PDB file of N, CA and C in Angstrom:
ATOM      1  N   MET A   1      18.704   5.504  -5.916  1.00  0.00           N
ATOM      2  CA  MET A   1      18.368   6.316  -6.645  1.00  0.00           C
ATOM      3  C   MET A   1      17.639   5.538  -8.122  1.00  0.00           C
ATOM      4  N   LEU A   2      17.839   4.193  -8.077  1.00  0.00           N
ATOM      5  CA  LEU A   2      17.284   3.743  -9.270  1.00  0.00           C
ATOM      6  C   LEU A   2      15.890   3.632  -9.168  1.00  0.00           C
ATOM      7  N   GLY A   3      15.330   3.552  -7.703  1.00  0.00           N
ATOM      8  CA  GLY A   3      13.871   3.346  -7.547  1.00  0.00           C
ATOM      9  C   GLY A   3      13.255   4.803  -7.583  1.00  0.00           C
ATOM     10  N   SER A   4      14.119   5.684  -7.438  1.00  0.00           N
ATOM     11  CA  SER A   4      12.936   6.920  -7.468  1.00  0.00           C
ATOM     12  C   SER A   4      13.076   7.375  -8.956  1.00  0.00           C
ATOM     13  N   LEU A   5      13.856   6.967  -9.807  1.00  0.00           N
ATOM     14  CA  LEU A   5      13.895   6.994 -11.240  1.00  0.00           C
ATOM     15  C   LEU A   5      12.752   6.172 -11.607  1.00  0.00           C
ATOM     16  N   LEU A   6      12.482   5.118 -11.397  1.00  0.00           N
ATOM     17  CA  LEU A   6      11.692   4.545 -11.607  1.00  0.00           C
ATOM     18  C   LEU A   6      10.210   4.915 -11.310  1.00  0.00           C
ATOM     19  N   THR A   7      10.272   5.543 -10.072  1.00  0.00           N
ATOM     20  CA  THR A   7       8.561   5.864  -9.718  1.00  0.00           C
ATOM     21  C   THR A   7       8.753   6.920 -10.402  1.00  0.00           C
ATOM     22  N   VAL A   8       9.419   7.860 -10.685  1.00  0.00           N
ATOM     23  CA  VAL A   8       8.762   8.955 -11.767  1.00  0.00           C
ATOM     24  C   VAL A   8       8.456   8.185 -12.763  1.00  0.00           C
ATOM     25  N   LEU A   9       8.960   7.855 -13.830  1.00  0.00           N
ATOM     26  CA  LEU A   9       9.060   6.880 -14.891  1.00  0.00           C
ATOM     27  C   LEU A   9       7.434   6.123 -14.375  1.00  0.00           C
ATOM     28  N   ALA A  10       7.355   5.828 -13.701  1.00  0.00           N
ATOM     29  CA  ALA A  10       5.937   5.118 -13.610  1.00  0.00           C
ATOM     30  C   ALA A  10       4.823   6.229 -13.359  1.00  0.00           C
ATOM     31  N   THR A  11       4.981   7.409 -12.795  1.00  0.00           N
ATOM     32  CA  THR A  11       3.993   8.265 -12.653  1.00  0.00           C
ATOM     33  C   THR A  11       3.824   9.086 -14.236  1.00  0.00           C
ATOM     34  N   ALA A  12       5.004   9.278 -14.777  1.00  0.00           N
ATOM     35  CA  ALA A  12       4.967   9.828 -16.125  1.00  0.00           C
ATOM     36  C   ALA A  12       3.974   8.984 -17.110  1.00  0.00           C
ATOM     37  N   LEU A  13       3.986   7.592 -17.207  1.00  0.00           N
ATOM     38  CA  LEU A  13       3.540   6.854 -17.725  1.00  0.00           C
ATOM     39  C   LEU A  13       2.220   6.933 -17.434  1.00  0.00           C
ATOM     40  N   SER A  14       2.063   6.963 -15.942  1.00  0.00           N
ATOM     41  CA  SER A  14       0.198   6.798 -15.642  1.00  0.00           C
ATOM     42  C   SER A  14      -0.439   8.379 -15.982  1.00  0.00           C
ATOM     43  N   LEU A  15       0.407   9.243 -16.097  1.00  0.00           N
ATOM     44  CA  LEU A  15      -0.002  10.813 -16.962  1.00  0.00           C
ATOM     45  C   LEU A  15      -0.572  10.513 -18.337  1.00  0.00           C
ATOM     46  N   LEU A  16       0.636   9.598 -19.195  1.00  0.00           N
ATOM     47  CA  LEU A  16       0.323   9.326 -20.245  1.00  0.00           C
ATOM     48  C   LEU A  16      -0.984   8.733 -20.430  1.00  0.00           C
ATOM     49  N   VAL A  17      -0.899   7.588 -19.436  1.00  0.00           N
ATOM     50  CA  VAL A  17      -3.224   7.191 -19.590  1.00  0.00           C
ATOM     51  C   VAL A  17      -3.780   7.830 -19.096  1.00  0.00           C
ATOM     52  N   VAL A  18      -3.791   8.901 -17.935  1.00  0.00           N
ATOM     53  CA  VAL A  18      -4.639   9.722 -17.721  1.00  0.00           C
ATOM     54  C   VAL A  18      -4.850  10.512 -18.577  1.00  0.00           C
ATOM     55  N   ASP A  19      -3.872  11.018 -19.442  1.00  0.00           N
ATOM     56  CA  ASP A  19      -4.079  12.145 -20.640  1.00  0.00           C
ATOM     57  C   ASP A  19      -4.831  11.604 -21.776  1.00  0.00           C
ATOM     58  N   ILE A  20      -4.592  10.041 -21.899  1.00  0.00           N
ATOM     59  CA  ILE A  20      -5.389   9.221 -22.957  1.00  0.00           C
ATOM     60  C   ILE A  20      -6.866   9.169 -22.675  1.00  0.00           C
ATOM     61  N   ILE A  21      -7.468   8.648 -21.303  1.00  0.00           N
ATOM     62  CA  ILE A  21      -8.778   8.802 -20.614  1.00  0.00           C
ATOM     63  C   ILE A  21      -9.289   9.804 -20.459  1.00  0.00           C
ATOM     64  N   PHE A  22      -8.915  11.089 -20.300  1.00  0.00           N
ATOM     65  CA  PHE A  22      -9.671  12.601 -19.578  1.00  0.00           C
ATOM     66  C   PHE A  22      -9.006  13.743 -20.546  1.00  0.00           C
ATOM     67  N   PRO A  23     -10.027  14.157 -21.364  1.00  0.00           N
ATOM     68  CA  PRO A  23     -10.259  15.186 -22.264  1.00  0.00           C
ATOM     69  C   PRO A  23      -9.404  16.627 -21.411  1.00  0.00           C
ATOM     70  N   GLY A  24      -9.750  16.736 -19.913  1.00  0.00           N
ATOM     71  CA  GLY A  24      -9.513  17.613 -19.403  1.00  0.00           C
ATOM     72  C   GLY A  24      -8.072  17.798 -18.730  1.00  0.00           C
ATOM     73  N   VAL A  25      -7.173  16.327 -19.375  1.00  0.00           N
ATOM     74  CA  VAL A  25      -5.519  16.537 -18.915  1.00  0.00           C
ATOM     75  C   VAL A  25      -5.165  16.564 -20.399  1.00  0.00           C
ATOM     76  N   SER A  26      -4.225  17.150 -20.146  1.00  0.00           N
ATOM     77  CA  SER A  26      -3.304  17.132 -21.740  1.00  0.00           C
ATOM     78  C   SER A  26      -1.911  17.561 -21.069  1.00  0.00           C
ATOM     79  N   LEU A  27      -0.926  16.403 -21.808  1.00  0.00           N
ATOM     80  CA  LEU A  27       0.329  16.829 -21.978  1.00  0.00           C
ATOM     81  C   LEU A  27       0.890  16.798 -22.884  1.00  0.00           C
ATOM     82  N   ALA A  28       2.236  17.706 -23.372  1.00  0.00           N
ATOM     83  CA  ALA A  28       2.456  18.062 -24.777  1.00  0.00           C
ATOM     84  C   ALA A  28       3.290  17.026 -25.100  1.00  0.00           C
ATOM     85  N   ASN A  29       4.193  16.348 -24.590  1.00  0.00           N
ATOM     86  CA  ASN A  29       5.065  15.285 -24.950  1.00  0.00           C
ATOM     87  C   ASN A  29       5.423  14.457 -23.766  1.00  0.00           C
ATOM     88  N   PHE A  30       6.305  13.228 -23.917  1.00  0.00           N
ATOM     89  CA  PHE A  30       6.666  12.551 -23.020  1.00  0.00           C
ATOM     90  C   PHE A  30       7.890  13.737 -21.655  1.00  0.00           C
ATOM     91  N   PRO A  31       8.450  13.841 -22.311  1.00  0.00           N
ATOM     92  CA  PRO A  31       9.611  14.929 -21.155  1.00  0.00           C
ATOM     93  C   PRO A  31       8.765  15.881 -20.216  1.00  0.00           C
ATOM     94  N   ALA A  32       7.758  16.221 -21.020  1.00  0.00           N
ATOM     95  CA  ALA A  32       6.501  17.445 -20.128  1.00  0.00           C
ATOM     96  C   ALA A  32       6.048  16.273 -19.130  1.00  0.00           C
ATOM     97  N   ALA A  33       5.598  15.065 -19.315  1.00  0.00           N
ATOM     98  CA  ALA A  33       5.379  14.024 -18.569  1.00  0.00           C
ATOM     99  C   ALA A  33       6.258  13.609 -17.319  1.00  0.00           C
ATOM    100  N   MET A  34       7.571  13.483 -18.000  1.00  0.00           N
ATOM    101  CA  MET A  34       8.437  13.116 -16.739  1.00  0.00           C
ATOM    102  C   MET A  34       8.577  14.027 -15.915  1.00  0.00           C
ATOM    103  N   VAL A  35       8.524  15.573 -16.453  1.00  0.00           N
ATOM    104  CA  VAL A  35       9.032  16.770 -15.499  1.00  0.00           C
ATOM    105  C   VAL A  35       7.623  16.682 -14.701  1.00  0.00           C
ATOM    106  N   ALA A  36       6.578  16.354 -15.057  1.00  0.00           N
ATOM    107  CA  ALA A  36       5.363  16.258 -14.227  1.00  0.00           C
ATOM    108  C   ALA A  36       5.403  15.509 -13.351  1.00  0.00           C
ATOM    109  N   GLY A  37       5.651  14.197 -13.786  1.00  0.00           N
ATOM    110  CA  GLY A  37       5.908  13.299 -12.790  1.00  0.00           C
ATOM    111  C   GLY A  37       7.000  13.849 -11.544  1.00  0.00           C
ATOM    112  N   LEU A  38       7.398  14.322 -11.964  1.00  0.00           N
ATOM    113  CA  LEU A  38       8.995  14.570 -10.868  1.00  0.00           C
ATOM    114  C   LEU A  38       8.262  15.792  -9.865  1.00  0.00           C
ATOM    115  N   VAL A  39       7.494  16.606 -10.609  1.00  0.00           N
ATOM    116  CA  VAL A  39       6.853  17.775 -10.183  1.00  0.00           C
ATOM    117  C   VAL A  39       5.594  17.224  -9.128  1.00  0.00           C
ATOM    118  N   ILE A  40       4.975  16.364  -9.177  1.00  0.00           N
ATOM    119  CA  ILE A  40       3.830  15.883  -8.784  1.00  0.00           C
ATOM    120  C   ILE A  40       4.210  14.877  -7.726  1.00  0.00           C
ATOM    121  N   GLY A  41       5.883  14.501  -7.728  1.00  0.00           N
ATOM    122  CA  GLY A  41       6.252  13.483  -6.149  1.00  0.00           C
ATOM    123  C   GLY A  41       6.647  14.836  -5.310  1.00  0.00           C
ATOM    124  N   LEU A  42       7.362  15.841  -5.696  1.00  0.00           N
ATOM    125  CA  LEU A  42       7.467  16.906  -5.023  1.00  0.00           C
ATOM    126  C   LEU A  42       6.378  18.027  -4.106  1.00  0.00           C
ATOM    127  N   VAL A  43       5.124  17.769  -5.078  1.00  0.00           N
ATOM    128  CA  VAL A  43       4.259  18.392  -4.571  1.00  0.00           C
ATOM    129  C   VAL A  43       3.435  17.049  -3.409  1.00  0.00           C
ATOM    130  N   ASN A  44       3.498  16.391  -3.851  1.00  0.00           N
ATOM    131  CA  ASN A  44       2.813  15.381  -2.775  1.00  0.00           C
ATOM    132  C   ASN A  44       3.779  15.140  -1.248  1.00  0.00           C
ATOM    133  N   SER A  45       5.053  15.308  -1.705  1.00  0.00           N
ATOM    134  CA  SER A  45       5.457  14.742  -0.624  1.00  0.00           C
ATOM    135  C   SER A  45       5.799  16.478   0.210  1.00  0.00           C
ATOM    136  N   GLY A  46       5.737  17.537  -0.512  1.00  0.00           N
ATOM    137  CA  GLY A  46       5.864  18.822   0.383  1.00  0.00           C
ATOM    138  C   GLY A  46       4.801  19.464   0.932  1.00  0.00           C
ATOM    139  N   ILE A  47       3.709  19.748  -0.278  1.00  0.00           N
ATOM    140  CA  ILE A  47       2.809  20.556  -0.292  1.00  0.00           C
ATOM    141  C   ILE A  47       1.365  20.206   0.577  1.00  0.00           C
ATOM    142  N   ARG A  48       1.435  18.649   0.105  1.00  0.00           N
ATOM    143  CA  ARG A  48       0.187  17.949   0.413  1.00  0.00           C
ATOM    144  C   ARG A  48       0.174  17.713   1.698  1.00  0.00           C
ATOM    145  N   PRO A  49       1.199  17.281   2.705  1.00  0.00           N
ATOM    146  CA  PRO A  49       0.842  17.317   4.341  1.00  0.00           C
ATOM    147  C   PRO A  49       0.169  18.177   4.819  1.00  0.00           C
ATOM    148  N   ILE A  50       0.588  19.555   4.159  1.00  0.00           N
ATOM    149  CA  ILE A  50       0.276  20.793   4.904  1.00  0.00           C
ATOM    150  C   ILE A  50      -1.033  21.215   4.548  1.00  0.00           C
ATOM    151  N   ILE A  51      -1.834  20.551   3.159  1.00  0.00           N
ATOM    152  CA  ILE A  51      -2.771  20.971   2.805  1.00  0.00           C
ATOM    153  C   ILE A  51      -3.694  19.900   3.471  1.00  0.00           C
ATOM    154  N   SER A  52      -3.349  18.730   3.883  1.00  0.00           N
ATOM    155  CA  SER A  52      -4.128  17.813   4.484  1.00  0.00           C
ATOM    156  C   SER A  52      -4.308  18.127   6.333  1.00  0.00           C
ATOM    157  N   LEU A  53      -3.492  18.594   6.456  1.00  0.00           N
ATOM    158  CA  LEU A  53      -3.657  19.063   8.109  1.00  0.00           C
ATOM    159  C   LEU A  53      -4.357  20.337   7.912  1.00  0.00           C
ATOM    160  N   LEU A  54      -4.664  21.149   7.225  1.00  0.00           N
ATOM    161  CA  LEU A  54      -5.463  22.405   7.152  1.00  0.00           C
ATOM    162  C   LEU A  54      -6.757  22.089   7.031  1.00  0.00           C
ATOM    163  N   SER A  55      -6.975  20.939   6.313  1.00  0.00           N
ATOM    164  CA  SER A  55      -8.131  20.424   5.705  1.00  0.00           C
ATOM    165  C   SER A  55      -8.939  19.290   6.974  1.00  0.00           C
ATOM    166  N   LEU A  56      -8.384  18.871   7.714  1.00  0.00           N
ATOM    167  CA  LEU A  56      -8.676  17.861   8.114  1.00  0.00           C
ATOM    168  C   LEU A  56      -9.819  17.900   9.131  1.00  0.00           C
ATOM    169  N   PRO A  57     -10.168  18.957   9.178  1.00  0.00           N
ATOM    170  CA  PRO A  57     -11.799  19.195   9.966  1.00  0.00           C
ATOM    171  C   PRO A  57     -12.750  18.633   8.982  1.00  0.00           C
ATOM    172  N   LEU A  58     -12.245  19.676   7.542  1.00  0.00           N
ATOM    173  CA  LEU A  58     -13.416  19.295   6.560  1.00  0.00           C
ATOM    174  C   LEU A  58     -13.645  17.532   6.186  1.00  0.00           C
ATOM    175  N   ASN A  59     -12.166  17.340   6.335  1.00  0.00           N
ATOM    176  CA  ASN A  59     -12.190  15.645   6.090  1.00  0.00           C
ATOM    177  C   ASN A  59     -12.949  15.052   7.169  1.00  0.00           C
ATOM    178  N   ILE A  60     -12.965  15.023   8.197  1.00  0.00           N
ATOM    179  CA  ILE A  60     -13.283  14.398   9.144  1.00  0.00           C
ATOM    180  C   ILE A  60     -15.055  14.828   8.926  1.00  0.00           C
ATOM    181  N   LEU A  61     -15.352  16.146   8.666  1.00  0.00           N
ATOM    182  CA  LEU A  61     -17.188  16.060   8.640  1.00  0.00           C
ATOM    183  C   LEU A  61     -17.634  15.344   7.133  1.00  0.00           C
ATOM    184  N   SER A  62     -16.659  15.318   6.406  1.00  0.00           N
ATOM    185  CA  SER A  62     -16.774  14.470   4.946  1.00  0.00           C
ATOM    186  C   SER A  62     -16.629  13.015   5.090  1.00  0.00           C
ATOM    187  N   LEU A  63     -16.141  12.927   5.872  1.00  0.00           N
ATOM    188  CA  LEU A  63     -15.895  11.305   6.317  1.00  0.00           C
ATOM    189  C   LEU A  63     -14.511  10.626   5.356  1.00  0.00           C
ATOM    190  N   GLY A  64     -13.778  11.426   5.021  1.00  0.00           N
ATOM    191  CA  GLY A  64     -12.810  11.082   3.940  1.00  0.00           C
ATOM    192  C   GLY A  64     -12.924  11.864   2.465  1.00  0.00           C
ATOM    193  N   ALA A  65     -14.408  11.992   2.301  1.00  0.00           N
ATOM    194  CA  ALA A  65     -13.988  12.597   1.001  1.00  0.00           C
ATOM    195  C   ALA A  65     -13.514  13.754   0.249  1.00  0.00           C
ATOM    196  N   PHE A  66     -13.202  14.465   1.461  1.00  0.00           N
ATOM    197  CA  PHE A  66     -12.660  15.752   0.887  1.00  0.00           C
ATOM    198  C   PHE A  66     -11.128  15.508   0.673  1.00  0.00           C
ATOM    199  N   SER A  67     -10.481  14.532   0.738  1.00  0.00           N
ATOM    200  CA  SER A  67      -9.274  13.815   0.486  1.00  0.00           C
ATOM    201  C   SER A  67      -9.356  13.726  -1.163  1.00  0.00           C
ATOM    202  N   LEU A  68     -10.497  13.675  -1.774  1.00  0.00           N
ATOM    203  CA  LEU A  68     -10.420  13.715  -3.302  1.00  0.00           C
ATOM    204  C   LEU A  68     -10.221  14.974  -3.624  1.00  0.00           C
ATOM    205  N   VAL A  69     -10.310  16.215  -2.886  1.00  0.00           N
ATOM    206  CA  VAL A  69     -10.359  17.299  -3.595  1.00  0.00           C
ATOM    207  C   VAL A  69      -8.845  17.676  -3.135  1.00  0.00           C
ATOM    208  N   VAL A  70      -8.682  16.996  -1.835  1.00  0.00           N
ATOM    209  CA  VAL A  70      -6.965  17.461  -1.592  1.00  0.00           C
ATOM    210  C   VAL A  70      -5.977  16.870  -2.717  1.00  0.00           C
ATOM    211  N   ASN A  71      -6.608  15.861  -3.313  1.00  0.00           N
ATOM    212  CA  ASN A  71      -6.077  14.691  -4.523  1.00  0.00           C
ATOM    213  C   ASN A  71      -5.581  15.875  -5.142  1.00  0.00           C
ATOM    214  N   GLY A  72      -7.012  16.365  -5.913  1.00  0.00           N
ATOM    215  CA  GLY A  72      -7.605  17.035  -7.065  1.00  0.00           C
ATOM    216  C   GLY A  72      -6.640  18.545  -7.200  1.00  0.00           C
ATOM    217  N   LEU A  73      -6.457  18.953  -5.733  1.00  0.00           N
ATOM    218  CA  LEU A  73      -5.874  20.228  -5.633  1.00  0.00           C
ATOM    219  C   LEU A  73      -4.159  20.097  -5.783  1.00  0.00           C
ATOM    220  N   CYS A  74      -4.061  18.946  -5.628  1.00  0.00           N
ATOM    221  CA  CYS A  74      -2.254  18.798  -5.637  1.00  0.00           C
ATOM    222  C   CYS A  74      -2.086  18.918  -7.100  1.00  0.00           C
ATOM    223  N   PHE A  75      -2.618  18.153  -7.814  1.00  0.00           N
ATOM    224  CA  PHE A  75      -2.497  17.430  -9.382  1.00  0.00           C
ATOM    225  C   PHE A  75      -2.849  18.918  -9.765  1.00  0.00           C
ATOM    226  N   TRP A  76      -3.643  20.067  -9.841  1.00  0.00           N
ATOM    227  CA  TRP A  76      -3.907  20.772 -10.653  1.00  0.00           C
ATOM    228  C   TRP A  76      -2.777  22.391 -10.157  1.00  0.00           C
ATOM    229  N   LEU A  77      -2.151  21.825  -8.966  1.00  0.00           N
ATOM    230  CA  LEU A  77      -0.704  22.668  -8.557  1.00  0.00           C
ATOM    231  C   LEU A  77       0.119  22.368  -9.182  1.00  0.00           C
ATOM    232  N   ALA A  78       0.529  20.841  -9.417  1.00  0.00           N
ATOM    233  CA  ALA A  78       1.523  20.534 -10.267  1.00  0.00           C
ATOM    234  C   ALA A  78       1.421  20.798 -11.809  1.00  0.00           C
ATOM    235  N   SER A  79       0.416  21.058 -12.253  1.00  0.00           N
ATOM    236  CA  SER A  79       0.128  21.366 -13.591  1.00  0.00           C
ATOM    237  C   SER A  79       0.487  23.093 -13.659  1.00  0.00           C
ATOM    238  N   LEU A  80       0.594  23.611 -12.809  1.00  0.00           N
ATOM    239  CA  LEU A  80       0.849  25.022 -12.655  1.00  0.00           C
ATOM    240  C   LEU A  80       2.401  25.577 -12.871  1.00  0.00           C
ATOM    241  N   PHE A  81       3.020  24.315 -12.435  1.00  0.00           N
ATOM    242  CA  PHE A  81       4.489  24.457 -12.552  1.00  0.00           C
ATOM    243  C   PHE A  81       5.068  23.755 -13.440  1.00  0.00           C
ATOM    244  N   VAL A  82       4.652  23.146 -14.369  1.00  0.00           N
ATOM    245  CA  VAL A  82       4.984  22.239 -15.274  1.00  0.00           C
ATOM    246  C   VAL A  82       4.370  22.917 -16.907  1.00  0.00           C
ATOM    247  N   PRO A  83       5.461  23.373 -17.904  1.00  0.00           N
ATOM    248  CA  PRO A  83       4.698  23.992 -18.909  1.00  0.00           C
ATOM    249  C   PRO A  83       4.222  22.579 -19.845  1.00  0.00           C
ATOM    250  N   GLY A  84       3.333  22.767 -20.530  1.00  0.00           N
ATOM    251  CA  GLY A  84       2.908  21.273 -21.837  1.00  0.00           C
ATOM    252  C   GLY A  84       2.238  20.552 -20.543  1.00  0.00           C
ATOM    253  N   PHE A  85       1.666  20.620 -19.566  1.00  0.00           N
ATOM    254  CA  PHE A  85       0.620  19.828 -18.588  1.00  0.00           C
ATOM    255  C   PHE A  85      -0.084  20.802 -18.145  1.00  0.00           C
ATOM    256  N   ARG A  86      -1.823  20.557 -18.327  1.00  0.00           N
ATOM    257  CA  ARG A  86      -2.948  21.216 -18.384  1.00  0.00           C
ATOM    258  C   ARG A  86      -3.851  20.352 -17.545  1.00  0.00           C
ATOM    259  N   VAL A  87      -4.330  20.664 -16.479  1.00  0.00           N
ATOM    260  CA  VAL A  87      -5.431  20.382 -15.836  1.00  0.00           C
ATOM    261  C   VAL A  87      -6.829  21.227 -16.031  1.00  0.00           C
ATOM    262  N   ALA A  88      -8.002  20.791 -16.870  1.00  0.00           N
ATOM    263  CA  ALA A  88      -9.346  21.730 -17.149  1.00  0.00           C
ATOM    264  C   ALA A  88     -10.118  20.926 -16.827  1.00  0.00           C
ATOM    265  N   GLY A  89     -11.069  21.516 -15.556  1.00  0.00           N
ATOM    266  CA  GLY A  89     -12.412  20.698 -15.759  1.00  0.00           C
ATOM    267  C   GLY A  89     -12.842  19.919 -14.315  1.00  0.00           C
ATOM    268  N   LEU A  90     -13.657  20.031 -14.053  1.00  0.00           N
ATOM    269  CA  LEU A  90     -13.812  19.230 -12.622  1.00  0.00           C
ATOM    270  C   LEU A  90     -13.689  17.791 -12.287  1.00  0.00           C
ATOM    271  N   ILE A  91     -14.212  17.226 -13.519  1.00  0.00           N
ATOM    272  CA  ILE A  91     -14.000  15.907 -13.511  1.00  0.00           C
ATOM    273  C   ILE A  91     -12.383  15.442 -13.463  1.00  0.00           C
ATOM    274  N   ALA A  92     -11.620  16.076 -14.451  1.00  0.00           N
ATOM    275  CA  ALA A  92     -10.186  16.143 -14.694  1.00  0.00           C
ATOM    276  C   ALA A  92      -9.892  16.109 -13.344  1.00  0.00           C
ATOM    277  N   PHE A  93     -10.195  17.129 -12.500  1.00  0.00           N
ATOM    278  CA  PHE A  93      -9.941  17.941 -11.267  1.00  0.00           C
ATOM    279  C   PHE A  93      -9.793  16.655  -9.729  1.00  0.00           C
ATOM    280  N   ILE A  94     -11.050  15.884 -10.069  1.00  0.00           N
ATOM    281  CA  ILE A  94     -11.457  14.926  -9.239  1.00  0.00           C
ATOM    282  C   ILE A  94     -10.910  13.555  -9.377  1.00  0.00           C
ATOM    283  N   VAL A  95     -11.482  13.277 -10.863  1.00  0.00           N
ATOM    284  CA  VAL A  95     -11.218  11.571 -11.151  1.00  0.00           C
ATOM    285  C   VAL A  95      -9.833  11.320 -11.652  1.00  0.00           C
ATOM    286  N   ALA A  96      -9.021  12.439 -12.516  1.00  0.00           N
ATOM    287  CA  ALA A  96      -7.922  12.005 -13.091  1.00  0.00           C
ATOM    288  C   ALA A  96      -6.869  11.671 -11.459  1.00  0.00           C
ATOM    289  N   PRO A  97      -6.509  12.218 -10.764  1.00  0.00           N
ATOM    290  CA  PRO A  97      -5.945  11.801  -9.802  1.00  0.00           C
ATOM    291  C   PRO A  97      -5.911  10.553  -9.461  1.00  0.00           C
ATOM    292  N   VAL A  98      -7.557   9.843  -9.214  1.00  0.00           N
ATOM    293  CA  VAL A  98      -7.486   8.649  -8.724  1.00  0.00           C
ATOM    294  C   VAL A  98      -7.123   7.789  -9.877  1.00  0.00           C
ATOM    295  N   ILE A  99      -7.040   7.945 -10.888  1.00  0.00           N
ATOM    296  CA  ILE A  99      -6.545   6.666 -12.083  1.00  0.00           C
ATOM    297  C   ILE A  99      -4.965   7.131 -12.112  1.00  0.00           C
ATOM    298  N   LEU A 100      -4.731   8.357 -11.927  1.00  0.00           N
ATOM    299  CA  LEU A 100      -3.223   8.092 -11.722  1.00  0.00           C
ATOM    300  C   LEU A 100      -2.904   7.535 -10.966  1.00  0.00           C
ATOM    301  N   SER A 101      -3.421   7.512  -9.872  1.00  0.00           N
ATOM    302  CA  SER A 101      -3.122   6.700  -8.463  1.00  0.00           C
ATOM    303  C   SER A 101      -3.054   4.991  -8.859  1.00  0.00           C
ATOM    304  N   LEU A 102      -4.342   4.646  -9.227  1.00  0.00           N
ATOM    305  CA  LEU A 102      -4.440   3.290  -9.590  1.00  0.00           C
ATOM    306  C   LEU A 102      -3.230   2.764 -10.834  1.00  0.00           C
ATOM    307  N   VAL A 103      -3.276   3.546 -11.627  1.00  0.00           N
ATOM    308  CA  VAL A 103      -2.081   2.796 -12.934  1.00  0.00           C
ATOM    309  C   VAL A 103      -0.641   2.985 -12.155  1.00  0.00           C
ATOM    310  N   SER A 104      -0.310   4.250 -11.234  1.00  0.00           N
ATOM    311  CA  SER A 104       0.783   4.429 -10.819  1.00  0.00           C
ATOM    312  C   SER A 104       1.279   3.204  -9.814  1.00  0.00           C
ATOM    313  N   THR A 105       0.186   2.775  -9.055  1.00  0.00           N
ATOM    314  CA  THR A 105       0.633   1.636  -8.028  1.00  0.00           C
ATOM    315  C   THR A 105       0.833   0.398  -9.051  1.00  0.00           C
ATOM    316  N   PHE A 106      -0.347   0.402 -10.119  1.00  0.00           N
ATOM    317  CA  PHE A 106       0.116  -0.805 -10.560  1.00  0.00           C
ATOM    318  C   PHE A 106       1.866  -0.889 -11.237  1.00  0.00           C
ATOM    319  N   LEU A 107       1.842   0.229 -11.919  1.00  0.00           N
ATOM    320  CA  LEU A 107       3.242   0.258 -12.425  1.00  0.00           C
ATOM    321  C   LEU A 107       4.509   0.345 -11.517  1.00  0.00           C
ATOM    322  N   ASN A 108       4.320   0.848 -10.029  1.00  0.00           N
ATOM    323  CA  ASN A 108       5.370   0.546  -9.264  1.00  0.00           C
ATOM    324  C   ASN A 108       5.660  -0.815  -9.032  1.00  0.00           C
ATOM    325  N   LYS A 109       3.945  -1.527  -8.875  1.00  0.00           N
ATOM    326  CA  LYS A 109       4.156  -2.910  -8.362  1.00  0.00           C
ATOM    327  C   LYS A 109       5.153  -3.550  -9.433  1.00  0.00           C
ATOM    328  N   TYR A 110       5.017  -3.351 -10.641  1.00  0.00           N
ATOM    329  CA  TYR A 110       5.068  -4.097 -11.639  1.00  0.00           C
ATOM    330  C   TYR A 110       6.851  -3.779 -12.019  1.00  0.00           C
ATOM    331  N   PHE A 111       7.301  -3.143 -11.089  1.00  0.00           N
ATOM    332  CA  PHE A 111       8.840  -2.312 -11.613  1.00  0.00           C
ATOM    333  C   PHE A 111       9.416  -3.242 -10.459  1.00  0.00           C
ATOM    334  N   ALA A 112       8.782  -3.116  -9.019  1.00  0.00           N
ATOM    335  CA  ALA A 112       9.538  -3.438  -8.218  1.00  0.00           C
ATOM    336  C   ALA A 112       9.263  -5.205  -8.389  1.00  0.00           C
ATOM    337  N   GLU A 113       8.513  -6.181  -8.867  1.00  0.00           N
ATOM    338  CA  GLU A 113       8.857  -7.408  -9.370  1.00  0.00           C
ATOM    339  C   GLU A 113      10.211  -7.346 -10.240  1.00  0.00           C
ATOM    340  N   LYS A 114      10.092  -6.383 -11.223  1.00  0.00           N
ATOM    341  CA  LYS A 114      11.410  -6.822 -12.138  1.00  0.00           C
ATOM    342  C   LYS A 114      12.675  -6.234 -11.833  1.00  0.00           C
ATOM    343  N   LEU A 115      12.202  -5.604 -10.862  1.00  0.00           N
ATOM    344  CA  LEU A 115      13.924  -4.643 -10.548  1.00  0.00           C
ATOM    345  C   LEU A 115      14.711  -5.661  -9.841  1.00  0.00           C
ATOM    346  N   PRO A 116      14.264  -6.957  -9.557  1.00  0.00           N
ATOM    347  CA  PRO A 116      15.316  -7.901  -8.916  1.00  0.00           C
ATOM    348  C   PRO A 116      15.986  -8.515 -10.221  1.00  0.00           C
ATOM    349  N   ASN A 117      15.085  -8.911 -10.961  1.00  0.00           N
ATOM    350  CA  ASN A 117      15.707  -9.432 -12.395  1.00  0.00           C
ATOM    351  C   ASN A 117      16.486  -8.598 -13.436  1.00  0.00           C
ATOM    352  N   LEU A 118      16.075  -7.098 -12.982  1.00  0.00           N
ATOM    353  CA  LEU A 118      17.368  -6.082 -13.893  1.00  0.00           C
ATOM    354  C   LEU A 118      18.897  -6.236 -13.207  1.00  0.00           C
ATOM    355  N   ALA A 119      18.793  -6.262 -11.755  1.00  0.00           N
ATOM    356  CA  ALA A 119      20.085  -6.399 -10.828  1.00  0.00           C
ATOM    357  C   ALA A 119      20.444  -7.206 -11.516  1.00  0.00           C
ATOM    358  N   GLN A 120      19.995  -8.144 -11.581  1.00  0.00           N
ATOM    359  CA  GLN A 120      21.065  -9.788 -11.726  1.00  0.00           C
ATOM    360  C   GLN A 120      21.346  -9.982 -13.404  1.00  0.00           C
ATOM    361  N   GLU A 121      20.487  -9.260 -14.396  1.00  0.00           N
ATOM    362  CA  GLU A 121      20.884  -9.279 -15.913  1.00  0.00           C
ATOM    363  C   GLU A 121      22.364  -8.441 -16.096  1.00  0.00           C
TER     364      GLU A 121
END
């Protein structure tokens, strides 16, 4: 339970970083970022595998580059479900999920290192 909460928190913080970097991504406030982090997790675990399977021929033909489009589509799709979270523009559609993934990975590793210390305190 704590691990899932930390993952959503890391995604929310990553979304705030993406909001600062890209003008095409906007978040209204931190609660919107938390809901967006949860919805992105749900979209990535539920809808993304289906989209990836359906786009497999295009992904093979593009040598994996179409995965960027799939990431962007899932990112944009999550923005449709969360009020206060908006994605606009091609650069935000393609590059923002990559930055989100990098920052989120860094934060998840940070939380994973600090989690044993938190349990002892």
